[in-house]
Protein backbone atom coordinates (compact mmCIF):
# COMPACT_ATOMS: atom_id res chain seq x y z
CA MET A 1 0.00 0.00 0.00
CA ALA A 2 1.48 3.36 -1.02
CA GLU A 3 2.08 6.07 1.63
CA PRO A 4 0.51 9.39 1.23
CA PRO A 5 2.80 11.98 -0.25
CA GLY A 6 2.52 14.19 2.73
CA GLY A 7 3.51 11.45 5.22
CA ALA A 8 7.06 10.95 3.90
CA ALA A 9 7.72 14.67 3.89
CA GLU A 10 6.58 15.06 7.45
CA ASP A 11 8.87 12.27 8.62
CA SER A 12 11.82 13.81 6.83
CA TRP A 13 11.19 17.19 8.39
CA GLY A 14 10.82 15.57 11.79
CA LYS A 15 14.18 13.93 11.49
CA VAL A 16 15.76 17.21 10.41
CA GLY A 17 14.17 18.93 13.39
CA PHE A 18 15.67 16.44 15.79
CA VAL A 19 19.10 16.84 14.24
CA LEU A 20 18.92 20.65 14.34
CA ARG A 21 17.76 20.58 17.95
CA ASP A 22 20.68 18.35 18.97
CA ARG A 23 23.08 20.57 17.06
CA VAL A 24 21.74 23.67 18.77
CA PHE A 25 22.11 22.07 22.19
CA LEU A 26 25.65 20.98 21.32
CA LEU A 27 26.63 24.41 20.10
CA ALA A 28 25.05 25.95 23.16
CA GLY A 29 27.09 23.61 25.38
CA GLU A 30 30.33 24.41 23.54
CA SER A 31 29.60 28.13 23.84
CA ASP A 32 29.04 27.82 27.60
CA ASP A 33 32.33 25.91 28.02
CA GLU A 34 34.25 28.56 26.06
CA ASP A 35 32.70 31.34 28.14
CA SER A 36 33.58 29.48 31.35
CA ASP A 37 37.20 28.99 30.27
CA TYR A 38 37.43 32.64 29.33
CA HIS A 39 36.06 33.81 32.67
CA GLN A 40 38.39 31.49 34.60
CA GLU A 41 41.41 32.72 32.67
CA SER A 42 40.37 36.34 33.22
CA TYR A 43 39.93 35.67 36.95
CA LYS A 44 43.39 34.13 37.18
CA GLU A 45 44.97 37.09 35.44
CA SER A 46 43.08 39.53 37.68
CA TYR A 47 44.20 37.66 40.85
CA LYS A 48 47.84 37.73 39.75
CA ASP A 49 47.61 41.44 39.02
CA GLN A 50 46.11 42.08 42.46
CA ARG A 51 48.86 40.11 44.20
CA ARG A 52 51.54 41.87 42.15
CA ARG A 53 50.02 45.26 42.92
CA ALA A 54 49.77 44.45 46.66
CA HIS A 55 53.40 43.26 46.74
CA THR A 56 54.56 46.42 44.96
CA GLN A 57 52.67 48.63 47.40
CA ALA A 58 54.06 46.75 50.42
CA GLU A 59 57.61 47.02 49.06
CA GLN A 60 57.17 50.74 48.45
CA LYS A 61 55.88 51.24 52.01
CA ARG A 62 58.90 49.37 53.36
CA ARG A 63 61.30 51.52 51.37
CA ASP A 64 59.51 54.70 52.44
CA ALA A 65 59.71 53.61 56.09
CA ILE A 66 63.46 52.91 55.81
CA LYS A 67 64.05 56.25 54.10
CA LYS A 68 62.07 58.08 56.79
CA GLY A 69 64.06 56.25 59.50
CA TYR A 70 67.39 57.40 58.03
CA ASN A 71 66.07 60.96 57.63
CA ASP A 72 64.96 60.97 61.28
CA LEU A 73 68.39 59.71 62.39
CA GLN A 74 70.13 62.49 60.46
CA ALA A 75 67.82 65.03 62.08
CA ILE A 76 68.32 63.66 65.62
CA VAL A 77 72.05 62.83 65.65
CA PRO A 78 74.03 66.11 65.90
CA THR A 79 77.13 64.71 64.19
CA CYS A 80 75.09 63.91 61.08
CA GLU A 81 74.22 67.58 60.70
CA GLN A 82 77.83 68.71 60.99
CA GLN A 83 79.77 69.17 57.77
CA ASP A 84 82.13 66.33 56.99
CA PHE A 85 84.98 67.70 54.87
CA SER A 86 86.16 64.20 53.96
CA ILE A 87 83.06 63.57 51.84
CA GLY A 88 82.39 67.15 50.81
CA SER A 89 78.85 68.31 50.25
CA GLN A 90 77.52 64.98 48.98
CA LYS A 91 74.69 63.21 50.79
CA LEU A 92 75.64 60.95 53.68
CA SER A 93 75.45 57.26 52.89
CA LYS A 94 73.39 54.90 55.01
CA ALA A 95 76.57 53.28 56.36
CA ILE A 96 77.93 56.65 57.53
CA VAL A 97 74.58 57.57 59.12
CA LEU A 98 74.52 54.27 61.04
CA GLN A 99 78.14 54.64 62.19
CA LYS A 100 77.58 58.21 63.39
CA THR A 101 74.44 57.06 65.19
CA ILE A 102 76.36 54.28 66.95
CA ASP A 103 79.12 56.72 67.98
CA TYR A 104 76.55 59.17 69.33
CA ILE A 105 74.76 56.45 71.34
CA GLN A 106 78.09 55.39 72.87
CA PHE A 107 78.81 59.02 73.74
CA LEU A 108 75.41 59.32 75.43
CA HIS A 109 76.08 56.17 77.47
CA LYS A 110 79.39 57.64 78.71
CA GLU A 111 77.73 60.94 79.57
CA LYS A 112 74.97 59.09 81.43
CA LYS A 113 77.52 57.13 83.46
CA LYS A 114 79.44 60.33 84.25
CA GLN A 115 76.27 62.08 85.38
CA GLU A 116 75.29 59.11 87.55
CA GLU A 117 78.70 59.27 89.25
CA GLU A 118 78.28 63.02 89.82
CA VAL A 119 74.82 62.46 91.27
CA SER A 120 76.21 59.79 93.60
CA THR A 121 78.94 62.18 94.78
CA LEU A 122 76.42 64.96 95.37
CA ARG A 123 74.22 62.61 97.38
CA LYS A 124 77.18 61.73 99.59
CA ASP A 125 77.92 65.43 100.06
CA VAL A 126 74.31 66.09 100.99
CA MET A 127 74.39 63.24 103.51
CA ALA A 128 77.60 64.63 105.06
CA LEU A 129 76.07 68.11 105.29
CA LYS A 130 72.98 66.70 106.96
CA ILE A 131 75.17 64.95 109.55
CA MET A 132 77.11 68.16 110.17
CA LYS A 133 73.85 70.08 110.49
CA VAL A 134 72.58 67.64 113.12
CA ASN A 135 75.86 67.90 115.06
CA TYR A 136 75.86 71.69 115.01
CA GLU A 137 72.24 71.76 116.13
CA GLN A 138 73.17 69.54 119.06
CA ILE A 139 76.10 71.84 119.95
CA VAL A 140 73.88 74.94 119.78
CA LYS A 141 71.25 73.26 121.92
CA ALA A 142 73.89 72.27 124.49
CA HIS A 143 75.11 75.88 124.71
CA GLN A 144 71.57 77.12 125.07
CA ASP A 145 70.89 74.65 127.87
CA ASN A 146 74.15 75.63 129.66
CA PRO A 147 74.82 79.30 128.86
CA ASN A 148 77.63 79.63 131.49
CA GLU A 149 79.58 76.65 130.24
CA GLY A 150 81.77 78.54 127.78
CA LYS A 151 82.93 81.39 130.03
CA ASN A 152 86.04 79.56 131.31
CA GLN A 153 87.03 78.14 127.92
CA VAL A 154 90.46 78.85 126.42
CA SER A 155 90.46 81.50 123.71
CA ASP A 156 91.56 80.86 120.13
CA GLU A 157 94.59 83.07 120.66
CA VAL A 158 95.85 80.90 123.50
CA LYS A 159 95.28 77.78 121.42
CA PHE A 160 97.30 79.29 118.58
CA ASN A 161 100.14 80.25 120.96
CA VAL A 162 100.32 76.66 122.23
CA PHE A 163 100.32 75.27 118.70
CA GLN A 164 102.94 77.78 117.58
CA GLY A 165 105.18 76.97 120.54
CA ILE A 166 105.04 73.22 119.81
CA MET A 167 105.76 73.75 116.09
CA ASP A 168 108.63 76.15 116.79
CA SER A 169 110.24 73.68 119.16
CA LEU A 170 109.92 70.84 116.66
CA PHE A 171 111.21 73.00 113.80
CA GLN A 172 114.30 74.04 115.76
CA SER A 173 115.08 70.39 116.41
CA PHE A 174 114.35 69.52 112.76
CA ASN A 175 116.53 72.34 111.43
CA ALA A 176 119.44 71.34 113.65
CA SER A 177 119.26 67.65 112.73
CA ILE A 178 118.45 67.63 109.01
CA SER A 179 120.97 68.03 106.20
CA VAL A 180 119.77 69.00 102.71
CA THR A 181 122.95 68.52 100.68
CA SER A 182 121.33 65.62 98.78
CA PHE A 183 117.99 63.92 98.59
CA GLN A 184 119.42 60.64 99.84
CA GLU A 185 120.93 62.34 102.90
CA LEU A 186 117.69 64.29 103.47
CA SER A 187 115.65 61.08 103.47
CA ALA A 188 118.00 59.39 105.94
CA CYS A 189 118.01 62.43 108.27
CA VAL A 190 114.21 62.76 108.21
CA PHE A 191 113.67 59.18 109.31
CA SER A 192 116.34 59.50 111.97
CA TRP A 193 114.78 62.73 113.30
CA ILE A 194 111.29 61.18 113.41
CA GLU A 195 112.56 58.22 115.42
CA GLU A 196 114.34 60.50 117.91
CA GLN A 197 112.15 63.60 118.24
CA CYS A 198 108.66 62.20 117.66
CA LYS A 199 108.66 59.65 120.45
CA PRO A 200 105.64 59.96 122.76
CA GLN A 201 107.81 60.92 125.74
CA THR A 202 109.74 63.56 123.75
CA LEU A 203 106.51 65.11 122.41
CA ARG A 204 105.04 65.06 125.90
CA ASP A 205 108.03 66.99 127.25
CA VAL A 206 107.75 69.55 124.44
CA VAL A 207 104.03 70.10 125.07
CA ILE A 208 104.52 70.49 128.85
CA ARG A 209 107.33 72.97 128.32
CA VAL A 210 105.21 75.06 125.92
CA LEU A 211 102.19 74.97 128.24
CA HIS A 212 104.29 76.24 131.17
CA LYS A 213 105.58 79.05 128.97
CA VAL A 214 102.11 80.11 127.85
CA LYS A 215 100.81 79.92 131.40
CA SER A 216 103.54 82.20 132.66
CA GLN A 217 102.62 84.73 129.97
CA LEU A 218 98.96 84.71 130.95
CA TYR A 219 99.39 84.99 134.71
């Protein structure tokens, strides 16, 4: 039995439709894959650029910080501001700035130690003055409590006369016993004179003799 003319045509067009539909879906899938690959590649390139840009900015900040640090050192350290005739008017190198900074820090340490020693000495002086102040206050208080105690004390003039008499007596003995023709002879005579004239008994006799003389002058 023969098929109607229209039936064969419809089947042919149906087959063509299926083929075209599959081709469209395939092309659509290939297009999506190409777009995906393109976007991934673009994303990778963008990420690398961002990392490179961030690294460049961080490196620039580091260099700026180092430069600022050296500029601050040159402004703080006095020796960096002084003219160095050995290098002329050219800019100081980083090595020179660091060396001058080290030298200045060592100088400050020495000055600090010196000042600490001076402060320690001053504190000792203050302590000694405080002790002297306390002693003088006690002496003044004792005189105030006993106003008649100092009336019979020996005057400074009498004390000086006693001291002068003792020294004169010792000098006369020293002058008569010491020879100054040579240093060796002087040294030998001095030791011999000390052993003879500076014995406790000899000094006691000198002091008694001077005291009797001063007493006779006073009374």
